[in-house]
N, C-alpha and C. Protein backbone atom coordinates (compact mmCIF):
# COMPACT_ATOMS: atom_id res chain seq x y z
N MET A 1 76.18 -16.17 13.56
CA MET A 1 75.99 -16.83 12.30
C MET A 1 77.19 -16.52 11.41
N ALA A 2 77.66 -17.53 10.79
CA ALA A 2 78.85 -17.38 9.96
C ALA A 2 78.49 -16.68 8.65
N GLU A 3 79.34 -15.80 8.25
CA GLU A 3 79.12 -15.06 7.01
C GLU A 3 79.57 -15.92 5.84
N VAL A 4 78.72 -15.99 4.86
CA VAL A 4 79.05 -16.78 3.68
C VAL A 4 79.75 -15.86 2.68
N HIS A 5 80.90 -16.27 2.27
CA HIS A 5 81.64 -15.49 1.28
C HIS A 5 81.36 -16.05 -0.10
N ARG A 6 80.90 -15.17 -0.94
CA ARG A 6 80.67 -15.60 -2.33
C ARG A 6 81.92 -15.29 -3.13
N ARG A 7 82.18 -16.18 -3.97
CA ARG A 7 83.34 -15.99 -4.83
C ARG A 7 82.96 -15.03 -5.94
N ARG A 8 83.65 -13.99 -6.08
CA ARG A 8 83.35 -12.95 -7.06
C ARG A 8 83.94 -13.35 -8.41
N ILE A 9 83.13 -13.07 -9.48
CA ILE A 9 83.60 -13.34 -10.84
C ILE A 9 84.64 -12.29 -11.17
N PRO A 10 85.74 -12.69 -11.77
CA PRO A 10 86.76 -11.71 -12.13
C PRO A 10 86.19 -10.65 -13.08
N VAL A 11 86.66 -9.43 -12.96
CA VAL A 11 86.18 -8.31 -13.77
C VAL A 11 86.34 -8.59 -15.25
N TRP A 12 87.45 -9.16 -15.63
CA TRP A 12 87.67 -9.43 -17.05
C TRP A 12 86.62 -10.37 -17.61
N LEU A 13 86.17 -11.34 -16.79
CA LEU A 13 85.15 -12.29 -17.24
C LEU A 13 83.79 -11.60 -17.35
N GLU A 14 83.50 -10.70 -16.41
CA GLU A 14 82.26 -9.92 -16.49
C GLU A 14 82.23 -9.09 -17.78
N ILE A 15 83.36 -8.49 -18.10
CA ILE A 15 83.45 -7.68 -19.33
C ILE A 15 83.24 -8.55 -20.56
N VAL A 16 83.86 -9.71 -20.59
CA VAL A 16 83.71 -10.63 -21.73
C VAL A 16 82.25 -11.05 -21.87
N LEU A 17 81.60 -11.40 -20.76
CA LEU A 17 80.19 -11.82 -20.80
C LEU A 17 79.29 -10.66 -21.26
N LEU A 18 79.57 -9.48 -20.75
CA LEU A 18 78.80 -8.30 -21.15
C LEU A 18 78.96 -8.02 -22.64
N LEU A 19 80.18 -8.10 -23.16
CA LEU A 19 80.42 -7.89 -24.59
C LEU A 19 79.74 -8.96 -25.43
N ALA A 20 79.74 -10.21 -24.95
CA ALA A 20 79.07 -11.29 -25.68
C ALA A 20 77.56 -11.04 -25.74
N LEU A 21 76.98 -10.61 -24.62
CA LEU A 21 75.54 -10.30 -24.61
C LEU A 21 75.22 -9.13 -25.53
N LEU A 22 76.07 -8.12 -25.50
CA LEU A 22 75.88 -6.96 -26.36
C LEU A 22 75.98 -7.35 -27.84
N ALA A 23 76.96 -8.18 -28.18
CA ALA A 23 77.11 -8.63 -29.57
C ALA A 23 75.90 -9.44 -30.01
N ALA A 24 75.39 -10.30 -29.13
CA ALA A 24 74.21 -11.10 -29.47
C ALA A 24 72.99 -10.19 -29.68
N ALA A 25 72.86 -9.16 -28.84
CA ALA A 25 71.73 -8.24 -28.98
C ALA A 25 71.83 -7.46 -30.30
N VAL A 26 73.02 -7.00 -30.63
CA VAL A 26 73.22 -6.26 -31.89
C VAL A 26 72.93 -7.17 -33.08
N TRP A 27 73.41 -8.40 -33.04
CA TRP A 27 73.16 -9.35 -34.13
C TRP A 27 71.66 -9.59 -34.28
N GLY A 28 70.97 -9.77 -33.14
CA GLY A 28 69.52 -10.01 -33.17
C GLY A 28 68.77 -8.82 -33.74
N LEU A 29 69.15 -7.62 -33.33
CA LEU A 29 68.51 -6.41 -33.87
C LEU A 29 68.75 -6.27 -35.37
N ARG A 30 69.97 -6.53 -35.77
CA ARG A 30 70.30 -6.41 -37.20
C ARG A 30 69.53 -7.43 -38.03
N ALA A 31 69.47 -8.67 -37.54
CA ALA A 31 68.72 -9.71 -38.26
C ALA A 31 67.24 -9.34 -38.34
N GLY A 32 66.69 -8.81 -37.24
CA GLY A 32 65.29 -8.39 -37.24
C GLY A 32 65.05 -7.24 -38.19
N TYR A 33 65.98 -6.27 -38.20
CA TYR A 33 65.87 -5.13 -39.10
C TYR A 33 65.90 -5.59 -40.55
N THR A 34 66.85 -6.46 -40.87
CA THR A 34 66.97 -6.96 -42.26
C THR A 34 65.70 -7.72 -42.65
N ARG A 35 65.19 -8.55 -41.76
CA ARG A 35 63.97 -9.31 -42.06
C ARG A 35 62.81 -8.34 -42.29
N TYR A 36 62.70 -7.32 -41.45
CA TYR A 36 61.63 -6.33 -41.61
C TYR A 36 61.78 -5.59 -42.93
N MET A 37 62.99 -5.11 -43.23
CA MET A 37 63.20 -4.35 -44.46
C MET A 37 62.97 -5.21 -45.70
N ARG A 38 63.33 -6.47 -45.64
CA ARG A 38 63.08 -7.35 -46.79
C ARG A 38 61.59 -7.58 -46.99
N SER A 39 60.82 -7.55 -45.92
CA SER A 39 59.37 -7.68 -46.10
C SER A 39 58.79 -6.38 -46.70
N ALA A 40 59.43 -5.26 -46.40
CA ALA A 40 58.99 -3.98 -46.98
C ALA A 40 59.46 -3.81 -48.42
N TYR A 41 60.55 -4.47 -48.77
CA TYR A 41 61.12 -4.43 -50.13
C TYR A 41 61.24 -5.85 -50.64
N PRO A 42 60.13 -6.47 -51.00
CA PRO A 42 60.18 -7.88 -51.40
C PRO A 42 60.81 -8.08 -52.78
N VAL A 43 61.22 -9.29 -53.00
CA VAL A 43 61.73 -9.72 -54.31
C VAL A 43 60.75 -10.78 -54.80
N GLU A 44 59.87 -10.36 -55.70
CA GLU A 44 58.87 -11.27 -56.27
C GLU A 44 59.03 -11.28 -57.79
N TYR A 45 58.50 -12.33 -58.40
CA TYR A 45 58.56 -12.49 -59.86
C TYR A 45 60.01 -12.48 -60.35
N GLU A 46 60.89 -13.09 -59.56
CA GLU A 46 62.33 -13.07 -59.86
C GLU A 46 62.66 -13.58 -61.26
N GLU A 47 62.00 -14.67 -61.66
CA GLU A 47 62.29 -15.26 -62.97
C GLU A 47 62.08 -14.24 -64.09
N TYR A 48 60.97 -13.50 -64.03
CA TYR A 48 60.66 -12.52 -65.07
C TYR A 48 61.56 -11.29 -64.96
N VAL A 49 61.77 -10.82 -63.74
CA VAL A 49 62.61 -9.63 -63.54
C VAL A 49 64.02 -9.90 -64.05
N GLU A 50 64.59 -11.03 -63.66
CA GLU A 50 65.96 -11.35 -64.07
C GLU A 50 66.05 -11.50 -65.59
N ALA A 51 65.08 -12.19 -66.18
CA ALA A 51 65.11 -12.44 -67.63
C ALA A 51 65.00 -11.14 -68.42
N TYR A 52 64.03 -10.28 -68.08
CA TYR A 52 63.83 -9.07 -68.86
C TYR A 52 64.84 -7.98 -68.53
N ALA A 53 65.38 -8.00 -67.31
CA ALA A 53 66.48 -7.08 -67.00
C ALA A 53 67.67 -7.41 -67.90
N ALA A 54 67.96 -8.69 -68.04
CA ALA A 54 69.07 -9.11 -68.89
C ALA A 54 68.78 -8.79 -70.36
N GLU A 55 67.55 -9.08 -70.81
CA GLU A 55 67.21 -8.84 -72.22
C GLU A 55 67.32 -7.37 -72.60
N TYR A 56 66.92 -6.48 -71.69
CA TYR A 56 66.90 -5.06 -72.01
C TYR A 56 68.05 -4.26 -71.39
N GLY A 57 69.00 -4.96 -70.78
CA GLY A 57 70.18 -4.29 -70.25
C GLY A 57 69.90 -3.35 -69.08
N LEU A 58 68.98 -3.75 -68.22
CA LEU A 58 68.62 -2.94 -67.07
C LEU A 58 69.06 -3.65 -65.78
N PRO A 59 69.37 -2.90 -64.75
CA PRO A 59 69.68 -3.54 -63.47
C PRO A 59 68.40 -4.12 -62.85
N PRO A 60 68.43 -5.35 -62.37
CA PRO A 60 67.25 -5.93 -61.72
C PRO A 60 66.75 -5.06 -60.56
N SER A 61 67.67 -4.43 -59.85
CA SER A 61 67.26 -3.58 -58.72
C SER A 61 66.35 -2.44 -59.19
N LEU A 62 66.57 -1.94 -60.38
CA LEU A 62 65.72 -0.87 -60.92
C LEU A 62 64.32 -1.40 -61.20
N LEU A 63 64.23 -2.59 -61.78
CA LEU A 63 62.90 -3.15 -62.07
C LEU A 63 62.14 -3.44 -60.79
N TYR A 64 62.81 -4.03 -59.80
CA TYR A 64 62.13 -4.26 -58.51
C TYR A 64 61.65 -2.94 -57.92
N ALA A 65 62.48 -1.90 -58.00
CA ALA A 65 62.12 -0.60 -57.44
C ALA A 65 60.92 0.00 -58.16
N VAL A 66 60.88 -0.11 -59.47
CA VAL A 66 59.74 0.43 -60.24
C VAL A 66 58.48 -0.35 -59.90
N ILE A 67 58.57 -1.66 -59.86
CA ILE A 67 57.38 -2.48 -59.55
C ILE A 67 56.87 -2.15 -58.15
N ARG A 68 57.78 -2.05 -57.19
CA ARG A 68 57.37 -1.72 -55.82
C ARG A 68 56.69 -0.35 -55.78
N THR A 69 57.26 0.62 -56.47
CA THR A 69 56.72 1.98 -56.45
C THR A 69 55.41 2.08 -57.22
N GLU A 70 55.33 1.40 -58.35
CA GLU A 70 54.14 1.49 -59.19
C GLU A 70 52.94 0.72 -58.62
N SER A 71 53.16 -0.51 -58.17
CA SER A 71 52.02 -1.37 -57.81
C SER A 71 52.18 -2.11 -56.49
N ASP A 72 53.32 -1.96 -55.85
CA ASP A 72 53.61 -2.71 -54.63
C ASP A 72 53.43 -4.22 -54.87
N PHE A 73 53.83 -4.66 -56.05
CA PHE A 73 53.80 -6.06 -56.46
C PHE A 73 52.39 -6.64 -56.56
N ASN A 74 51.41 -5.78 -56.79
CA ASN A 74 50.03 -6.24 -56.97
C ASN A 74 49.73 -6.27 -58.47
N PRO A 75 49.63 -7.46 -59.07
CA PRO A 75 49.38 -7.54 -60.52
C PRO A 75 48.00 -7.03 -60.93
N GLU A 76 47.09 -6.86 -59.98
CA GLU A 76 45.74 -6.38 -60.28
C GLU A 76 45.61 -4.86 -60.05
N ALA A 77 46.70 -4.18 -59.76
CA ALA A 77 46.65 -2.74 -59.46
C ALA A 77 46.14 -1.95 -60.67
N VAL A 78 45.30 -0.95 -60.38
CA VAL A 78 44.76 -0.06 -61.40
C VAL A 78 44.87 1.37 -60.86
N SER A 79 45.45 2.26 -61.66
CA SER A 79 45.60 3.66 -61.22
C SER A 79 44.41 4.48 -61.69
N SER A 80 44.32 5.69 -61.15
CA SER A 80 43.24 6.59 -61.57
C SER A 80 43.40 7.02 -63.03
N ALA A 81 44.62 6.90 -63.56
CA ALA A 81 44.88 7.27 -64.96
C ALA A 81 44.65 6.10 -65.91
N GLY A 82 44.24 4.95 -65.38
CA GLY A 82 43.97 3.81 -66.22
C GLY A 82 45.17 2.91 -66.48
N ALA A 83 46.27 3.16 -65.80
CA ALA A 83 47.44 2.29 -65.90
C ALA A 83 47.18 1.06 -65.03
N VAL A 84 47.61 -0.11 -65.52
CA VAL A 84 47.30 -1.34 -64.80
C VAL A 84 48.51 -2.27 -64.72
N GLY A 85 48.41 -3.23 -63.83
CA GLY A 85 49.41 -4.28 -63.72
C GLY A 85 50.59 -3.89 -62.85
N LEU A 86 51.55 -4.78 -62.77
CA LEU A 86 52.72 -4.59 -61.93
C LEU A 86 53.48 -3.33 -62.26
N MET A 87 53.65 -3.04 -63.55
CA MET A 87 54.44 -1.88 -63.96
C MET A 87 53.57 -0.74 -64.48
N GLN A 88 52.26 -0.84 -64.23
CA GLN A 88 51.32 0.24 -64.48
C GLN A 88 51.41 0.81 -65.89
N LEU A 89 51.08 -0.02 -66.85
CA LEU A 89 51.09 0.40 -68.25
C LEU A 89 49.71 0.89 -68.68
N THR A 90 49.67 2.06 -69.32
CA THR A 90 48.41 2.54 -69.89
C THR A 90 48.20 1.80 -71.22
N GLU A 91 47.01 1.94 -71.77
CA GLU A 91 46.72 1.31 -73.06
C GLU A 91 47.67 1.82 -74.14
N ASP A 92 47.85 3.14 -74.21
CA ASP A 92 48.72 3.72 -75.24
C ASP A 92 50.17 3.27 -75.08
N THR A 93 50.66 3.27 -73.85
CA THR A 93 52.04 2.85 -73.61
C THR A 93 52.23 1.38 -73.97
N PHE A 94 51.25 0.55 -73.61
CA PHE A 94 51.33 -0.88 -73.92
C PHE A 94 51.35 -1.10 -75.43
N SER A 95 50.50 -0.40 -76.17
CA SER A 95 50.49 -0.53 -77.63
C SER A 95 51.81 -0.07 -78.23
N TRP A 96 52.31 1.08 -77.75
CA TRP A 96 53.59 1.61 -78.22
C TRP A 96 54.73 0.64 -77.93
N ALA A 97 54.73 0.06 -76.72
CA ALA A 97 55.80 -0.88 -76.34
C ALA A 97 55.76 -2.12 -77.23
N GLN A 98 54.57 -2.61 -77.52
CA GLN A 98 54.49 -3.79 -78.39
C GLN A 98 55.04 -3.47 -79.78
N TYR A 99 54.70 -2.31 -80.29
CA TYR A 99 55.20 -1.90 -81.60
C TYR A 99 56.72 -1.77 -81.57
N ARG A 100 57.26 -1.08 -80.56
CA ARG A 100 58.70 -0.84 -80.47
C ARG A 100 59.50 -2.09 -80.12
N CYS A 101 58.87 -3.03 -79.41
CA CYS A 101 59.59 -4.24 -78.99
C CYS A 101 59.42 -5.39 -79.98
N GLY A 102 58.70 -5.13 -81.06
CA GLY A 102 58.62 -6.09 -82.15
C GLY A 102 57.82 -7.34 -81.89
N VAL A 103 56.57 -7.21 -81.46
CA VAL A 103 55.72 -8.40 -81.32
C VAL A 103 55.15 -8.75 -82.68
N GLU A 104 54.95 -10.03 -82.88
CA GLU A 104 54.40 -10.47 -84.16
C GLU A 104 52.91 -10.19 -84.24
N GLU A 105 52.21 -10.44 -83.14
CA GLU A 105 50.78 -10.22 -83.12
C GLU A 105 50.45 -9.40 -81.88
N GLU A 106 49.72 -8.31 -82.05
CA GLU A 106 49.42 -7.43 -80.92
C GLU A 106 48.60 -8.18 -79.87
N LEU A 107 49.01 -8.00 -78.63
CA LEU A 107 48.34 -8.65 -77.50
C LEU A 107 47.13 -7.82 -77.07
N PRO A 108 46.11 -8.47 -76.53
CA PRO A 108 44.96 -7.71 -76.03
C PRO A 108 45.35 -6.90 -74.78
N GLN A 109 44.65 -5.80 -74.57
CA GLN A 109 44.96 -4.91 -73.45
C GLN A 109 44.86 -5.61 -72.09
N GLU A 110 44.02 -6.62 -71.96
CA GLU A 110 43.87 -7.34 -70.69
C GLU A 110 45.17 -8.02 -70.27
N GLN A 111 46.06 -8.26 -71.23
CA GLN A 111 47.34 -8.91 -70.93
C GLN A 111 48.22 -8.05 -70.01
N ARG A 112 47.89 -6.78 -69.88
CA ARG A 112 48.68 -5.90 -69.00
C ARG A 112 48.61 -6.37 -67.55
N PHE A 113 47.59 -7.13 -67.19
CA PHE A 113 47.47 -7.65 -65.83
C PHE A 113 48.35 -8.88 -65.60
N ASP A 114 48.78 -9.52 -66.67
CA ASP A 114 49.64 -10.69 -66.55
C ASP A 114 51.03 -10.26 -66.08
N PRO A 115 51.54 -10.83 -64.98
CA PRO A 115 52.84 -10.39 -64.46
C PRO A 115 53.97 -10.44 -65.47
N GLU A 116 54.09 -11.53 -66.21
CA GLU A 116 55.19 -11.61 -67.18
C GLU A 116 55.05 -10.55 -68.26
N THR A 117 53.85 -10.38 -68.79
CA THR A 117 53.62 -9.38 -69.84
C THR A 117 53.93 -7.98 -69.33
N SER A 118 53.47 -7.67 -68.13
CA SER A 118 53.70 -6.34 -67.56
C SER A 118 55.19 -6.09 -67.38
N ILE A 119 55.91 -7.06 -66.85
CA ILE A 119 57.35 -6.90 -66.63
C ILE A 119 58.08 -6.82 -67.97
N HIS A 120 57.68 -7.64 -68.92
CA HIS A 120 58.31 -7.61 -70.25
C HIS A 120 58.19 -6.23 -70.88
N TYR A 121 56.96 -5.72 -71.00
CA TYR A 121 56.77 -4.46 -71.71
C TYR A 121 57.14 -3.24 -70.87
N GLY A 122 57.00 -3.34 -69.56
CA GLY A 122 57.48 -2.27 -68.70
C GLY A 122 58.99 -2.13 -68.80
N SER A 123 59.69 -3.27 -68.85
CA SER A 123 61.15 -3.25 -69.00
C SER A 123 61.54 -2.67 -70.35
N CYS A 124 60.80 -3.06 -71.39
CA CYS A 124 61.07 -2.53 -72.73
C CYS A 124 60.92 -1.01 -72.74
N VAL A 125 59.84 -0.51 -72.13
CA VAL A 125 59.61 0.94 -72.09
C VAL A 125 60.74 1.64 -71.34
N LEU A 126 61.13 1.10 -70.18
CA LEU A 126 62.23 1.71 -69.42
C LEU A 126 63.52 1.75 -70.23
N ALA A 127 63.81 0.65 -70.90
CA ALA A 127 65.04 0.59 -71.71
C ALA A 127 64.99 1.60 -72.85
N LEU A 128 63.84 1.72 -73.51
CA LEU A 128 63.70 2.69 -74.60
C LEU A 128 63.86 4.12 -74.08
N LEU A 129 63.29 4.40 -72.92
CA LEU A 129 63.40 5.74 -72.34
C LEU A 129 64.84 6.04 -71.92
N GLU A 130 65.52 5.05 -71.35
CA GLU A 130 66.92 5.28 -70.98
C GLU A 130 67.78 5.52 -72.22
N GLU A 131 67.49 4.78 -73.27
CA GLU A 131 68.23 4.98 -74.52
C GLU A 131 67.92 6.36 -75.10
N MET A 132 66.68 6.75 -75.05
CA MET A 132 66.24 8.03 -75.62
C MET A 132 66.83 9.22 -74.86
N TYR A 133 66.81 9.16 -73.54
CA TYR A 133 67.22 10.32 -72.73
C TYR A 133 68.65 10.23 -72.21
N GLY A 134 69.16 9.03 -72.04
CA GLY A 134 70.54 8.87 -71.59
C GLY A 134 70.79 9.19 -70.14
N VAL A 135 69.77 9.56 -69.40
CA VAL A 135 69.88 9.89 -67.99
C VAL A 135 68.75 9.17 -67.25
N ARG A 136 69.11 8.35 -66.28
CA ARG A 136 68.10 7.53 -65.59
C ARG A 136 66.99 8.37 -64.97
N GLU A 137 67.33 9.46 -64.31
CA GLU A 137 66.31 10.29 -63.67
C GLU A 137 65.33 10.85 -64.69
N THR A 138 65.84 11.25 -65.83
CA THR A 138 64.99 11.78 -66.89
C THR A 138 64.10 10.68 -67.46
N ALA A 139 64.66 9.49 -67.64
CA ALA A 139 63.88 8.36 -68.13
C ALA A 139 62.76 8.01 -67.15
N LEU A 140 63.07 8.01 -65.86
CA LEU A 140 62.04 7.71 -64.85
C LEU A 140 60.96 8.79 -64.84
N ALA A 141 61.35 10.03 -65.00
CA ALA A 141 60.36 11.11 -65.07
C ALA A 141 59.43 10.88 -66.27
N ALA A 142 59.98 10.46 -67.40
CA ALA A 142 59.17 10.19 -68.59
C ALA A 142 58.28 8.97 -68.37
N TYR A 143 58.77 7.97 -67.65
CA TYR A 143 57.95 6.78 -67.36
C TYR A 143 56.72 7.20 -66.56
N ASN A 144 56.88 8.17 -65.68
CA ASN A 144 55.78 8.60 -64.83
C ASN A 144 54.90 9.67 -65.46
N ALA A 145 55.52 10.69 -66.02
CA ALA A 145 54.76 11.86 -66.51
C ALA A 145 54.52 11.85 -68.01
N GLY A 146 55.21 10.97 -68.74
CA GLY A 146 55.05 10.91 -70.18
C GLY A 146 56.16 11.65 -70.91
N MET A 147 56.47 11.17 -72.11
CA MET A 147 57.54 11.77 -72.90
C MET A 147 57.23 13.19 -73.32
N GLY A 148 55.97 13.48 -73.63
CA GLY A 148 55.61 14.83 -74.06
C GLY A 148 55.94 15.86 -72.99
N ASN A 149 55.59 15.57 -71.75
CA ASN A 149 55.90 16.50 -70.66
C ASN A 149 57.40 16.65 -70.48
N VAL A 150 58.12 15.54 -70.47
CA VAL A 150 59.56 15.59 -70.26
C VAL A 150 60.25 16.32 -71.41
N ASN A 151 59.84 16.05 -72.63
CA ASN A 151 60.44 16.76 -73.77
C ASN A 151 60.23 18.27 -73.65
N ARG A 152 59.06 18.68 -73.19
CA ARG A 152 58.76 20.10 -73.00
C ARG A 152 59.65 20.68 -71.89
N TRP A 153 59.82 19.94 -70.79
CA TRP A 153 60.66 20.41 -69.69
C TRP A 153 62.11 20.55 -70.12
N LEU A 154 62.58 19.61 -70.94
CA LEU A 154 63.99 19.64 -71.36
C LEU A 154 64.31 20.84 -72.25
N THR A 155 63.31 21.38 -72.93
CA THR A 155 63.55 22.55 -73.78
C THR A 155 63.33 23.86 -73.03
N ASP A 156 62.94 23.78 -71.77
CA ASP A 156 62.69 24.96 -70.96
C ASP A 156 63.87 25.18 -70.01
N GLU A 157 64.54 26.32 -70.15
CA GLU A 157 65.73 26.61 -69.34
C GLU A 157 65.43 26.65 -67.84
N ALA A 158 64.18 26.82 -67.48
CA ALA A 158 63.82 26.81 -66.06
C ALA A 158 63.97 25.41 -65.47
N TYR A 159 63.92 24.37 -66.33
CA TYR A 159 63.96 23.00 -65.85
C TYR A 159 65.19 22.22 -66.29
N SER A 160 65.86 22.68 -67.35
CA SER A 160 67.03 21.95 -67.85
C SER A 160 68.04 22.92 -68.46
N ASP A 161 69.29 22.73 -68.09
CA ASP A 161 70.36 23.56 -68.64
C ASP A 161 70.95 22.97 -69.92
N ASP A 162 70.86 21.64 -70.04
CA ASP A 162 71.55 20.98 -71.14
C ASP A 162 70.64 20.22 -72.10
N GLY A 163 69.34 20.22 -71.86
CA GLY A 163 68.42 19.51 -72.73
C GLY A 163 68.41 18.00 -72.52
N ARG A 164 69.14 17.52 -71.51
CA ARG A 164 69.19 16.07 -71.20
C ARG A 164 68.84 15.79 -69.74
N THR A 165 69.30 16.69 -68.89
CA THR A 165 69.15 16.49 -67.45
C THR A 165 68.14 17.49 -66.92
N LEU A 166 67.24 17.00 -66.08
CA LEU A 166 66.27 17.88 -65.45
C LEU A 166 66.85 18.37 -64.13
N LYS A 167 67.07 19.67 -64.03
CA LYS A 167 67.56 20.22 -62.77
C LYS A 167 66.41 20.38 -61.78
N GLU A 168 65.21 20.43 -62.32
CA GLU A 168 64.01 20.49 -61.49
C GLU A 168 62.88 19.82 -62.25
N ILE A 169 62.06 19.07 -61.53
CA ILE A 169 60.89 18.43 -62.12
C ILE A 169 59.67 19.21 -61.63
N PRO A 170 58.94 19.86 -62.53
CA PRO A 170 57.85 20.74 -62.09
C PRO A 170 56.65 20.04 -61.46
N TYR A 171 56.41 18.78 -61.79
CA TYR A 171 55.28 18.07 -61.19
C TYR A 171 55.74 17.45 -59.87
N PRO A 172 55.18 17.86 -58.74
CA PRO A 172 55.58 17.27 -57.45
C PRO A 172 55.42 15.75 -57.42
N GLU A 173 54.34 15.23 -58.02
CA GLU A 173 54.12 13.79 -58.05
C GLU A 173 55.26 13.07 -58.77
N THR A 174 55.69 13.62 -59.90
CA THR A 174 56.78 13.01 -60.68
C THR A 174 58.11 13.15 -59.95
N ARG A 175 58.35 14.30 -59.35
CA ARG A 175 59.57 14.51 -58.58
C ARG A 175 59.66 13.48 -57.44
N HIS A 176 58.55 13.30 -56.73
CA HIS A 176 58.49 12.33 -55.63
C HIS A 176 58.66 10.91 -56.17
N TYR A 177 58.06 10.63 -57.31
CA TYR A 177 58.16 9.30 -57.93
C TYR A 177 59.62 8.95 -58.23
N VAL A 178 60.33 9.86 -58.87
CA VAL A 178 61.74 9.61 -59.23
C VAL A 178 62.57 9.37 -57.97
N GLU A 179 62.38 10.21 -56.97
CA GLU A 179 63.12 10.04 -55.71
C GLU A 179 62.80 8.70 -55.06
N LYS A 180 61.54 8.34 -55.06
CA LYS A 180 61.10 7.08 -54.43
C LYS A 180 61.70 5.86 -55.14
N VAL A 181 61.68 5.88 -56.46
CA VAL A 181 62.25 4.75 -57.22
C VAL A 181 63.75 4.64 -56.95
N LEU A 182 64.47 5.75 -57.00
CA LEU A 182 65.91 5.70 -56.79
C LEU A 182 66.27 5.24 -55.38
N LYS A 183 65.51 5.68 -54.37
CA LYS A 183 65.75 5.22 -52.99
C LYS A 183 65.44 3.73 -52.87
N ALA A 184 64.36 3.29 -53.50
CA ALA A 184 64.01 1.87 -53.47
C ALA A 184 65.08 1.04 -54.16
N GLN A 185 65.62 1.54 -55.26
CA GLN A 185 66.69 0.81 -55.96
C GLN A 185 67.90 0.65 -55.04
N GLU A 186 68.26 1.70 -54.32
CA GLU A 186 69.37 1.61 -53.37
C GLU A 186 69.09 0.57 -52.30
N MET A 187 67.86 0.53 -51.81
CA MET A 187 67.50 -0.46 -50.78
C MET A 187 67.61 -1.88 -51.32
N TYR A 188 67.15 -2.10 -52.55
CA TYR A 188 67.27 -3.44 -53.14
C TYR A 188 68.74 -3.82 -53.29
N GLN A 189 69.57 -2.90 -53.69
CA GLN A 189 70.99 -3.19 -53.83
C GLN A 189 71.61 -3.53 -52.47
N ARG A 190 71.26 -2.76 -51.45
CA ARG A 190 71.82 -2.97 -50.12
C ARG A 190 71.28 -4.24 -49.46
N LEU A 191 69.98 -4.48 -49.55
CA LEU A 191 69.37 -5.63 -48.86
C LEU A 191 69.69 -6.96 -49.51
N TYR A 192 69.79 -6.97 -50.84
CA TYR A 192 69.95 -8.24 -51.55
C TYR A 192 71.29 -8.37 -52.28
N GLY A 193 72.05 -7.28 -52.31
CA GLY A 193 73.33 -7.33 -53.01
C GLY A 193 73.20 -7.55 -54.50
N ILE A 194 72.11 -7.03 -55.09
CA ILE A 194 71.90 -7.19 -56.53
C ILE A 194 72.24 -5.88 -57.23
N GLU A 195 72.58 -6.01 -58.51
CA GLU A 195 72.90 -4.82 -59.32
C GLU A 195 71.67 -3.95 -59.45
């Protein structure tokens, strides 16, 4: 029986085909990873986030990160402390924000569940805290633990050397919160290329 000779593919062509398959696999994995990460870090309520970020001079990535951390974009979220809505505003914080942000007529507390209202006044509170403390991490700690706690920590040398920056946050929940928001902000910047 005659032996059939198969024509062998040149080595250089095998290498090119292998590299093309590898590149396609890497591209597919990267696209899948990005799609997965974007589902974990969604961009919702863009119209409100963009508008109030601009009005209060905040990066949109920060607002998305706070909303994701506070409520995971659930406008009906309610915490054990009584904070509600996308940006988890308590009754006292909501009243204070309305006063500080200059509303003509005070809104009812139920408005905290409204996405636009929550983003508006949550953004106002964040901007006021950043202005007050001048350090984003300190402002985020105050957003979570309250200004009274943060003011007390800033005057304690165990927690602050300069009265502005917290070298340590004594509440583990608040420490974790600040870290989580800042990591989420980085992810929003990386995934969407937003400020």
